[in-house]
Each structure stands twice: as C-alpha cells, then as structure tokens.
Amino acid sequence: YLAPILEMRERIANSCEELGYIVNSFGSIVRPQKSWAIFNN
C-alpha cells in the first residue's frame, strides 16, 4: 500500500548517502547522523 512512499524514501536515502546531506523544498539543509534516520530527519 505504501510502496510509492517507501520507494521515495530509498531515493532520498541514496541521495543523502552520496552527498552527505539533503535539501528540502524550503531550502533547509538536513545532515542526518545515522543512515536509518535519513527519511525521519
């Protein structure tokens, strides 16, 4: 049921692990300290 969200979560996690950070639509830079927390953060 949640497959589209879970797939997006993986894309975000992969991008963050590659760059070391991720930027949301407000321009906020998020730097998770743990890989499992990427999507949560």
All heavy atoms as atom14 arrays in JSON, in Angstrom:
{
  "sequence": "YLAPILEMRERIANSCEELGYIVNSFGSIVRPQKSWAIFNN",
  "atom14_mask": [
    [1, 1, 1, 1, 1, 1, 1, 1, 1, 1, 1, 1, 0, 0],
    [1, 1, 1, 1, 1, 1, 1, 1, 0, 0, 0, 0, 0, 0],
    [1, 1, 1, 1, 1, 0, 0, 0, 0, 0, 0, 0, 0, 0],
    [1, 1, 1, 1, 1, 1, 1, 0, 0, 0, 0, 0, 0, 0],
    [1, 1, 1, 1, 1, 1, 1, 1, 0, 0, 0, 0, 0, 0],
    [1, 1, 1, 1, 1, 1, 1, 1, 0, 0, 0, 0, 0, 0],
    [1, 1, 1, 1, 1, 1, 1, 1, 1, 0, 0, 0, 0, 0],
    [1, 1, 1, 1, 1, 1, 1, 1, 0, 0, 0, 0, 0, 0],
    [1, 1, 1, 1, 1, 1, 1, 1, 1, 1, 1, 0, 0, 0],
    [1, 1, 1, 1, 1, 1, 1, 1, 1, 0, 0, 0, 0, 0],
    [1, 1, 1, 1, 1, 1, 1, 1, 1, 1, 1, 0, 0, 0],
    [1, 1, 1, 1, 1, 1, 1, 1, 0, 0, 0, 0, 0, 0],
    [1, 1, 1, 1, 1, 0, 0, 0, 0, 0, 0, 0, 0, 0],
    [1, 1, 1, 1, 1, 1, 1, 1, 0, 0, 0, 0, 0, 0],
    [1, 1, 1, 1, 1, 1, 0, 0, 0, 0, 0, 0, 0, 0],
    [1, 1, 1, 1, 1, 1, 0, 0, 0, 0, 0, 0, 0, 0],
    [1, 1, 1, 1, 1, 1, 1, 1, 1, 0, 0, 0, 0, 0],
    [1, 1, 1, 1, 1, 1, 1, 1, 1, 0, 0, 0, 0, 0],
    [1, 1, 1, 1, 1, 1, 1, 1, 0, 0, 0, 0, 0, 0],
    [1, 1, 1, 1, 0, 0, 0, 0, 0, 0, 0, 0, 0, 0],
    [1, 1, 1, 1, 1, 1, 1, 1, 1, 1, 1, 1, 0, 0],
    [1, 1, 1, 1, 1, 1, 1, 1, 0, 0, 0, 0, 0, 0],
    [1, 1, 1, 1, 1, 1, 1, 0, 0, 0, 0, 0, 0, 0],
    [1, 1, 1, 1, 1, 1, 1, 1, 0, 0, 0, 0, 0, 0],
    [1, 1, 1, 1, 1, 1, 0, 0, 0, 0, 0, 0, 0, 0],
    [1, 1, 1, 1, 1, 1, 1, 1, 1, 1, 1, 0, 0, 0],
    [1, 1, 1, 1, 0, 0, 0, 0, 0, 0, 0, 0, 0, 0],
    [1, 1, 1, 1, 1, 1, 0, 0, 0, 0, 0, 0, 0, 0],
    [1, 1, 1, 1, 1, 1, 1, 1, 0, 0, 0, 0, 0, 0],
    [1, 1, 1, 1, 1, 1, 1, 0, 0, 0, 0, 0, 0, 0],
    [1, 1, 1, 1, 1, 1, 1, 1, 1, 1, 1, 0, 0, 0],
    [1, 1, 1, 1, 1, 1, 1, 0, 0, 0, 0, 0, 0, 0],
    [1, 1, 1, 1, 1, 1, 1, 1, 1, 0, 0, 0, 0, 0],
    [1, 1, 1, 1, 1, 1, 1, 1, 1, 0, 0, 0, 0, 0],
    [1, 1, 1, 1, 1, 1, 0, 0, 0, 0, 0, 0, 0, 0],
    [1, 1, 1, 1, 1, 1, 1, 1, 1, 1, 1, 1, 1, 1],
    [1, 1, 1, 1, 1, 0, 0, 0, 0, 0, 0, 0, 0, 0],
    [1, 1, 1, 1, 1, 1, 1, 1, 0, 0, 0, 0, 0, 0],
    [1, 1, 1, 1, 1, 1, 1, 1, 1, 1, 1, 0, 0, 0],
    [1, 1, 1, 1, 1, 1, 1, 1, 0, 0, 0, 0, 0, 0],
    [1, 1, 1, 1, 1, 1, 1, 1, 0, 0, 0, 0, 0, 0]
  ],
  "atom14_positions": [
    [[0.83, -1.2, 0.0], [0.0, 0.0, 0.0], [0.87, 1.26, 0.0], [0.59, 2.22, -0.73], [-0.91, -0.01, 1.24], [-1.66, 1.26, 1.5], [-2.49, 1.82, 0.53], [-1.54, 1.92, 2.73], [-3.18, 3.01, 0.78], [-2.22, 3.09, 2.98], [-3.04, 3.63, 2.01], [-3.72, 4.8, 2.26], [0.0, 0.0, 0.0], [0.0, 0.0, 0.0]],
    [[1.93, 1.26, 0.8], [2.79, 2.44, 0.94], [3.98, 2.41, -0.01], [4.91, 3.21, 0.14], [3.29, 2.54, 2.38], [2.23, 2.75, 3.47], [2.89, 2.76, 4.84], [1.44, 4.03, 3.25], [0.0, 0.0, 0.0], [0.0, 0.0, 0.0], [0.0, 0.0, 0.0], [0.0, 0.0, 0.0], [0.0, 0.0, 0.0], [0.0, 0.0, 0.0]],
    [[3.95, 1.53, -1.0], [5.11, 1.35, -1.9], [5.63, 2.66, -2.49], [6.86, 2.87, -2.51], [4.75, 0.36, -3.01], [0.0, 0.0, 0.0], [0.0, 0.0, 0.0], [0.0, 0.0, 0.0], [0.0, 0.0, 0.0], [0.0, 0.0, 0.0], [0.0, 0.0, 0.0], [0.0, 0.0, 0.0], [0.0, 0.0, 0.0], [0.0, 0.0, 0.0]],
    [[4.79, 3.57, -2.99], [5.33, 4.82, -3.55], [6.13, 5.63, -2.54], [7.16, 6.23, -2.89], [4.06, 5.58, -4.0], [3.07, 4.52, -4.27], [3.32, 3.48, -3.2], [0.0, 0.0, 0.0], [0.0, 0.0, 0.0], [0.0, 0.0, 0.0], [0.0, 0.0, 0.0], [0.0, 0.0, 0.0], [0.0, 0.0, 0.0], [0.0, 0.0, 0.0]],
    [[5.69, 5.65, -1.28], [6.42, 6.38, -0.25], [7.71, 5.66, 0.1], [8.77, 6.28, 0.26], [5.56, 6.56, 1.01], [4.31, 7.4, 0.69], [6.37, 7.23, 2.13], [3.38, 7.59, 1.89], [0.0, 0.0, 0.0], [0.0, 0.0, 0.0], [0.0, 0.0, 0.0], [0.0, 0.0, 0.0], [0.0, 0.0, 0.0], [0.0, 0.0, 0.0]],
    [[7.65, 4.34, 0.21], [8.85, 3.57, 0.55], [9.91, 3.68, -0.54], [11.11, 3.76, -0.26], [8.48, 2.1, 0.78], [7.55, 1.84, 1.97], [7.15, 0.37, 2.02], [8.21, 2.26, 3.28], [0.0, 0.0, 0.0], [0.0, 0.0, 0.0], [0.0, 0.0, 0.0], [0.0, 0.0, 0.0], [0.0, 0.0, 0.0], [0.0, 0.0, 0.0]],
    [[9.47, 3.71, -1.8], [10.41, 3.88, -2.91], [11.04, 5.26, -2.88], [12.24, 5.42, -3.14], [9.68, 3.65, -4.24], [9.26, 2.19, -4.43], [8.27, 2.0, -5.58], [7.96, 3.01, -6.26], [7.8, 0.87, -5.78], [0.0, 0.0, 0.0], [0.0, 0.0, 0.0], [0.0, 0.0, 0.0], [0.0, 0.0, 0.0], [0.0, 0.0, 0.0]],
    [[10.24, 6.29, -2.57], [10.79, 7.64, -2.45], [11.77, 7.73, -1.3], [12.81, 8.38, -1.39], [9.65, 8.64, -2.25], [10.14, 10.09, -2.11], [8.84, 11.21, -1.59], [8.45, 10.59, 0.04], [0.0, 0.0, 0.0], [0.0, 0.0, 0.0], [0.0, 0.0, 0.0], [0.0, 0.0, 0.0], [0.0, 0.0, 0.0], [0.0, 0.0, 0.0]],
    [[11.45, 7.05, -0.21], [12.35, 7.03, 0.95], [13.72, 6.5, 0.55], [14.76, 7.04, 0.95], [11.76, 6.17, 2.06], [12.61, 6.11, 3.32], [12.15, 5.01, 4.25], [12.35, 3.69, 3.68], [12.03, 2.56, 4.27], [11.46, 2.58, 5.45], [12.26, 1.39, 3.69], [0.0, 0.0, 0.0], [0.0, 0.0, 0.0], [0.0, 0.0, 0.0]],
    [[13.74, 5.44, -0.25], [15.01, 4.86, -0.68], [15.78, 5.82, -1.58], [17.0, 5.94, -1.48], [14.76, 3.54, -1.41], [14.25, 2.43, -0.5], [15.15, 2.2, 0.69], [16.37, 2.03, 0.49], [14.64, 2.23, 1.83], [0.0, 0.0, 0.0], [0.0, 0.0, 0.0], [0.0, 0.0, 0.0], [0.0, 0.0, 0.0], [0.0, 0.0, 0.0]],
    [[15.07, 6.54, -2.46], [15.74, 7.51, -3.34], [16.36, 8.63, -2.52], [17.5, 9.06, -2.78], [14.75, 8.09, -4.35], [14.24, 7.08, -5.38], [13.58, 7.79, -6.55], [12.4, 8.56, -6.15], [11.17, 8.06, -6.1], [10.96, 6.79, -6.41], [10.15, 8.82, -5.75], [0.0, 0.0, 0.0], [0.0, 0.0, 0.0], [0.0, 0.0, 0.0]],
    [[15.62, 9.11, -1.51], [16.14, 10.17, -0.65], [17.35, 9.68, 0.13], [18.37, 10.37, 0.25], [15.04, 10.67, 0.29], [14.0, 11.47, -0.49], [15.62, 11.53, 1.42], [12.79, 11.88, 0.31], [0.0, 0.0, 0.0], [0.0, 0.0, 0.0], [0.0, 0.0, 0.0], [0.0, 0.0, 0.0], [0.0, 0.0, 0.0], [0.0, 0.0, 0.0]],
    [[17.27, 8.46, 0.65], [18.37, 7.9, 1.43], [19.61, 7.72, 0.57], [20.73, 8.06, 1.0], [17.95, 6.56, 2.03], [0.0, 0.0, 0.0], [0.0, 0.0, 0.0], [0.0, 0.0, 0.0], [0.0, 0.0, 0.0], [0.0, 0.0, 0.0], [0.0, 0.0, 0.0], [0.0, 0.0, 0.0], [0.0, 0.0, 0.0], [0.0, 0.0, 0.0]],
    [[19.43, 7.24, -0.64], [20.58, 7.04, -1.54], [21.24, 8.37, -1.89], [22.48, 8.48, -1.92], [20.13, 6.33, -2.82], [19.72, 4.89, -2.57], [20.14, 4.28, -1.57], [18.91, 4.34, -3.44], [0.0, 0.0, 0.0], [0.0, 0.0, 0.0], [0.0, 0.0, 0.0], [0.0, 0.0, 0.0], [0.0, 0.0, 0.0], [0.0, 0.0, 0.0]],
    [[20.43, 9.38, -2.16], [20.96, 10.69, -2.5], [21.71, 11.29, -1.32], [22.8, 11.86, -1.48], [19.82, 11.62, -2.93], [20.3, 12.92, -3.18], [0.0, 0.0, 0.0], [0.0, 0.0, 0.0], [0.0, 0.0, 0.0], [0.0, 0.0, 0.0], [0.0, 0.0, 0.0], [0.0, 0.0, 0.0], [0.0, 0.0, 0.0], [0.0, 0.0, 0.0]],
    [[21.15, 11.14, -0.13], [21.78, 11.69, 1.07], [23.1, 11.0, 1.38], [24.09, 11.65, 1.74], [20.82, 11.57, 2.25], [21.42, 12.35, 3.77], [0.0, 0.0, 0.0], [0.0, 0.0, 0.0], [0.0, 0.0, 0.0], [0.0, 0.0, 0.0], [0.0, 0.0, 0.0], [0.0, 0.0, 0.0], [0.0, 0.0, 0.0], [0.0, 0.0, 0.0]],
    [[23.14, 9.69, 1.23], [24.36, 8.95, 1.5], [25.46, 9.31, 0.49], [26.64, 9.3, 0.83], [24.07, 7.46, 1.48], [23.24, 7.0, 2.69], [22.93, 5.53, 2.66], [23.2, 4.89, 1.63], [22.4, 5.01, 3.67], [0.0, 0.0, 0.0], [0.0, 0.0, 0.0], [0.0, 0.0, 0.0], [0.0, 0.0, 0.0], [0.0, 0.0, 0.0]],
    [[25.05, 9.66, -0.72], [26.02, 10.05, -1.75], [26.57, 11.45, -1.49], [27.79, 11.69, -1.61], [25.35, 10.01, -3.12], [26.27, 10.42, -4.26], [25.59, 10.38, -5.61], [24.47, 9.82, -5.71], [26.17, 10.91, -6.57], [0.0, 0.0, 0.0], [0.0, 0.0, 0.0], [0.0, 0.0, 0.0], [0.0, 0.0, 0.0], [0.0, 0.0, 0.0]],
    [[25.68, 12.38, -1.1], [26.09, 13.78, -0.92], [26.48, 14.13, 0.51], [27.22, 15.09, 0.74], [24.94, 14.71, -1.35], [24.49, 14.61, -2.82], [23.27, 15.48, -3.05], [25.63, 15.02, -3.76], [0.0, 0.0, 0.0], [0.0, 0.0, 0.0], [0.0, 0.0, 0.0], [0.0, 0.0, 0.0], [0.0, 0.0, 0.0], [0.0, 0.0, 0.0]],
    [[25.93, 13.39, 1.48], [26.19, 13.7, 2.87], [25.14, 14.62, 3.47], [25.2, 14.95, 4.66], [0.0, 0.0, 0.0], [0.0, 0.0, 0.0], [0.0, 0.0, 0.0], [0.0, 0.0, 0.0], [0.0, 0.0, 0.0], [0.0, 0.0, 0.0], [0.0, 0.0, 0.0], [0.0, 0.0, 0.0], [0.0, 0.0, 0.0], [0.0, 0.0, 0.0]],
    [[24.19, 15.03, 2.67], [23.11, 15.91, 3.15], [21.97, 15.85, 2.15], [22.11, 15.29, 1.05], [23.6, 17.35, 3.29], [24.0, 17.98, 1.97], [23.07, 18.67, 1.18], [25.31, 17.88, 1.49], [23.43, 19.23, -0.03], [25.68, 18.43, 0.28], [24.75, 19.12, -0.48], [25.11, 19.66, -1.69], [0.0, 0.0, 0.0], [0.0, 0.0, 0.0]],
    [[20.84, 16.47, 2.53], [19.71, 16.58, 1.62], [19.03, 17.91, 1.89], [19.04, 18.41, 3.02], [18.72, 15.4, 1.78], [17.72, 15.39, 0.63], [18.04, 15.43, 3.14], [16.99, 14.07, 0.48], [0.0, 0.0, 0.0], [0.0, 0.0, 0.0], [0.0, 0.0, 0.0], [0.0, 0.0, 0.0], [0.0, 0.0, 0.0], [0.0, 0.0, 0.0]],
    [[18.47, 18.51, 0.83], [17.83, 19.83, 0.93], [16.34, 19.68, 0.66], [15.95, 19.07, -0.33], [18.45, 20.81, -0.08], [17.81, 22.2, 0.09], [19.96, 20.89, 0.1], [0.0, 0.0, 0.0], [0.0, 0.0, 0.0], [0.0, 0.0, 0.0], [0.0, 0.0, 0.0], [0.0, 0.0, 0.0], [0.0, 0.0, 0.0], [0.0, 0.0, 0.0]],
    [[15.5, 20.24, 1.55], [14.06, 20.15, 1.32], [13.56, 21.34, 0.51], [14.34, 22.2, 0.1], [13.29, 19.99, 2.65], [13.3, 21.25, 3.51], [13.55, 22.36, 3.05], [13.03, 21.08, 4.8], [0.0, 0.0, 0.0], [0.0, 0.0, 0.0], [0.0, 0.0, 0.0], [0.0, 0.0, 0.0], [0.0, 0.0, 0.0], [0.0, 0.0, 0.0]],
    [[12.26, 21.4, 0.29], [11.69, 22.41, -0.61], [11.76, 23.82, -0.03], [11.54, 24.8, -0.76], [10.23, 22.06, -0.93], [9.46, 21.92, 0.25], [0.0, 0.0, 0.0], [0.0, 0.0, 0.0], [0.0, 0.0, 0.0], [0.0, 0.0, 0.0], [0.0, 0.0, 0.0], [0.0, 0.0, 0.0], [0.0, 0.0, 0.0], [0.0, 0.0, 0.0]],
    [[12.05, 23.96, 1.27], [12.22, 25.29, 1.87], [13.69, 25.73, 1.81], [14.01, 26.82, 2.26], [11.75, 25.26, 3.33], [10.26, 25.31, 3.49], [9.5, 24.16, 3.39], [9.61, 26.51, 3.73], [8.13, 24.2, 3.56], [8.23, 26.56, 3.89], [7.49, 25.4, 3.8], [0.0, 0.0, 0.0], [0.0, 0.0, 0.0], [0.0, 0.0, 0.0]],
    [[14.54, 24.85, 1.31], [15.97, 25.17, 1.25], [16.72, 24.79, 2.52], [17.9, 25.1, 2.65], [0.0, 0.0, 0.0], [0.0, 0.0, 0.0], [0.0, 0.0, 0.0], [0.0, 0.0, 0.0], [0.0, 0.0, 0.0], [0.0, 0.0, 0.0], [0.0, 0.0, 0.0], [0.0, 0.0, 0.0], [0.0, 0.0, 0.0], [0.0, 0.0, 0.0]],
    [[16.05, 24.12, 3.44], [16.71, 23.69, 4.67], [17.64, 22.5, 4.38], [17.23, 21.54, 3.72], [15.68, 23.28, 5.73], [14.87, 24.38, 6.11], [0.0, 0.0, 0.0], [0.0, 0.0, 0.0], [0.0, 0.0, 0.0], [0.0, 0.0, 0.0], [0.0, 0.0, 0.0], [0.0, 0.0, 0.0], [0.0, 0.0, 0.0], [0.0, 0.0, 0.0]],
    [[18.84, 22.58, 4.88], [19.82, 21.51, 4.69], [19.75, 20.55, 5.87], [19.86, 20.97, 7.03], [21.24, 22.08, 4.55], [21.31, 22.99, 3.32], [22.27, 20.95, 4.47], [22.65, 23.71, 3.18], [0.0, 0.0, 0.0], [0.0, 0.0, 0.0], [0.0, 0.0, 0.0], [0.0, 0.0, 0.0], [0.0, 0.0, 0.0], [0.0, 0.0, 0.0]],
    [[19.55, 19.29, 5.58], [19.42, 18.26, 6.62], [20.63, 17.34, 6.53], [20.92, 16.8, 5.46], [18.12, 17.46, 6.44], [17.97, 16.44, 7.56], [16.91, 18.4, 6.39], [0.0, 0.0, 0.0], [0.0, 0.0, 0.0], [0.0, 0.0, 0.0], [0.0, 0.0, 0.0], [0.0, 0.0, 0.0], [0.0, 0.0, 0.0], [0.0, 0.0, 0.0]],
    [[21.34, 17.16, 7.66], [22.52, 16.29, 7.71], [22.3, 15.2, 8.76], [22.74, 15.34, 9.9], [23.78, 17.1, 8.03], [24.13, 18.16, 7.0], [25.41, 18.9, 7.38], [25.72, 19.99, 6.48], [26.37, 19.86, 5.33], [26.79, 18.66, 4.95], [26.6, 20.91, 4.56], [0.0, 0.0, 0.0], [0.0, 0.0, 0.0], [0.0, 0.0, 0.0]],
    [[21.62, 14.13, 8.4], [21.36, 13.05, 9.36], [22.66, 12.42, 9.85], [23.62, 12.28, 9.1], [20.54, 12.04, 8.55], [19.97, 12.85, 7.41], [21.02, 13.86, 7.09], [0.0, 0.0, 0.0], [0.0, 0.0, 0.0], [0.0, 0.0, 0.0], [0.0, 0.0, 0.0], [0.0, 0.0, 0.0], [0.0, 0.0, 0.0], [0.0, 0.0, 0.0]],
    [[22.68, 12.04, 11.13], [23.87, 11.42, 11.72], [23.88, 9.91, 11.54], [24.93, 9.28, 11.65], [23.93, 11.77, 13.21], [24.05, 13.26, 13.5], [25.28, 13.88, 12.86], [26.39, 13.4, 13.08], [25.08, 14.92, 12.07], [0.0, 0.0, 0.0], [0.0, 0.0, 0.0], [0.0, 0.0, 0.0], [0.0, 0.0, 0.0], [0.0, 0.0, 0.0]],
    [[22.7, 9.33, 11.28], [22.6, 7.88, 11.11], [21.78, 7.58, 9.86], [20.8, 8.26, 9.57], [21.95, 7.24, 12.34], [22.74, 7.46, 13.62], [22.05, 6.84, 14.82], [22.86, 7.06, 16.09], [22.2, 6.48, 17.29], [0.0, 0.0, 0.0], [0.0, 0.0, 0.0], [0.0, 0.0, 0.0], [0.0, 0.0, 0.0], [0.0, 0.0, 0.0]],
    [[22.15, 6.55, 9.13], [21.5, 6.23, 7.87], [20.03, 5.89, 8.03], [19.21, 6.27, 7.2], [22.24, 5.08, 7.17], [22.24, 3.92, 7.99], [0.0, 0.0, 0.0], [0.0, 0.0, 0.0], [0.0, 0.0, 0.0], [0.0, 0.0, 0.0], [0.0, 0.0, 0.0], [0.0, 0.0, 0.0], [0.0, 0.0, 0.0], [0.0, 0.0, 0.0]],
    [[19.68, 5.2, 9.14], [18.29, 4.81, 9.32], [17.39, 6.01, 9.61], [16.17, 5.95, 9.48], [18.14, 3.78, 10.44], [18.64, 4.23, 11.78], [19.86, 3.99, 12.33], [17.91, 5.01, 12.75], [19.95, 4.57, 13.57], [18.77, 5.2, 13.86], [16.63, 5.55, 12.78], [18.39, 5.92, 14.98], [16.24, 6.27, 13.9], [17.11, 6.45, 14.98]],
    [[18.02, 7.15, 10.0], [17.25, 8.34, 10.37], [17.09, 9.34, 9.23], [16.5, 10.4, 9.42], [17.9, 9.02, 11.56], [0.0, 0.0, 0.0], [0.0, 0.0, 0.0], [0.0, 0.0, 0.0], [0.0, 0.0, 0.0], [0.0, 0.0, 0.0], [0.0, 0.0, 0.0], [0.0, 0.0, 0.0], [0.0, 0.0, 0.0], [0.0, 0.0, 0.0]],
    [[17.61, 9.02, 8.05], [17.6, 9.99, 6.95], [16.19, 10.47, 6.62], [15.91, 11.67, 6.61], [18.26, 9.39, 5.68], [19.76, 9.2, 5.92], [18.02, 10.3, 4.47], [20.47, 8.48, 4.78], [0.0, 0.0, 0.0], [0.0, 0.0, 0.0], [0.0, 0.0, 0.0], [0.0, 0.0, 0.0], [0.0, 0.0, 0.0], [0.0, 0.0, 0.0]],
    [[15.29, 9.54, 6.36], [13.94, 9.93, 5.96], [13.2, 10.59, 7.12], [12.46, 11.56, 6.92], [13.16, 8.71, 5.46], [11.86, 9.06, 4.78], [11.85, 9.81, 3.62], [10.65, 8.64, 5.31], [10.65, 10.14, 2.99], [9.45, 8.96, 4.7], [9.46, 9.71, 3.53], [0.0, 0.0, 0.0], [0.0, 0.0, 0.0], [0.0, 0.0, 0.0]],
    [[13.41, 10.09, 8.31], [12.79, 10.67, 9.5], [13.22, 12.13, 9.66], [12.38, 13.02, 9.83], [13.2, 9.86, 10.73], [12.48, 10.32, 12.0], [11.62, 11.18, 11.95], [12.86, 9.75, 13.12], [0.0, 0.0, 0.0], [0.0, 0.0, 0.0], [0.0, 0.0, 0.0], [0.0, 0.0, 0.0], [0.0, 0.0, 0.0], [0.0, 0.0, 0.0]],
    [[14.53, 12.38, 9.59], [15.04, 13.75, 9.74], [14.55, 14.65, 8.62], [14.18, 15.81, 8.85], [16.56, 13.74, 9.75], [17.16, 13.09, 10.98], [18.37, 12.86, 11.04], [16.34, 12.74, 11.97], [0.0, 0.0, 0.0], [0.0, 0.0, 0.0], [0.0, 0.0, 0.0], [0.0, 0.0, 0.0], [0.0, 0.0, 0.0], [0.0, 0.0, 0.0]]
  ]
}
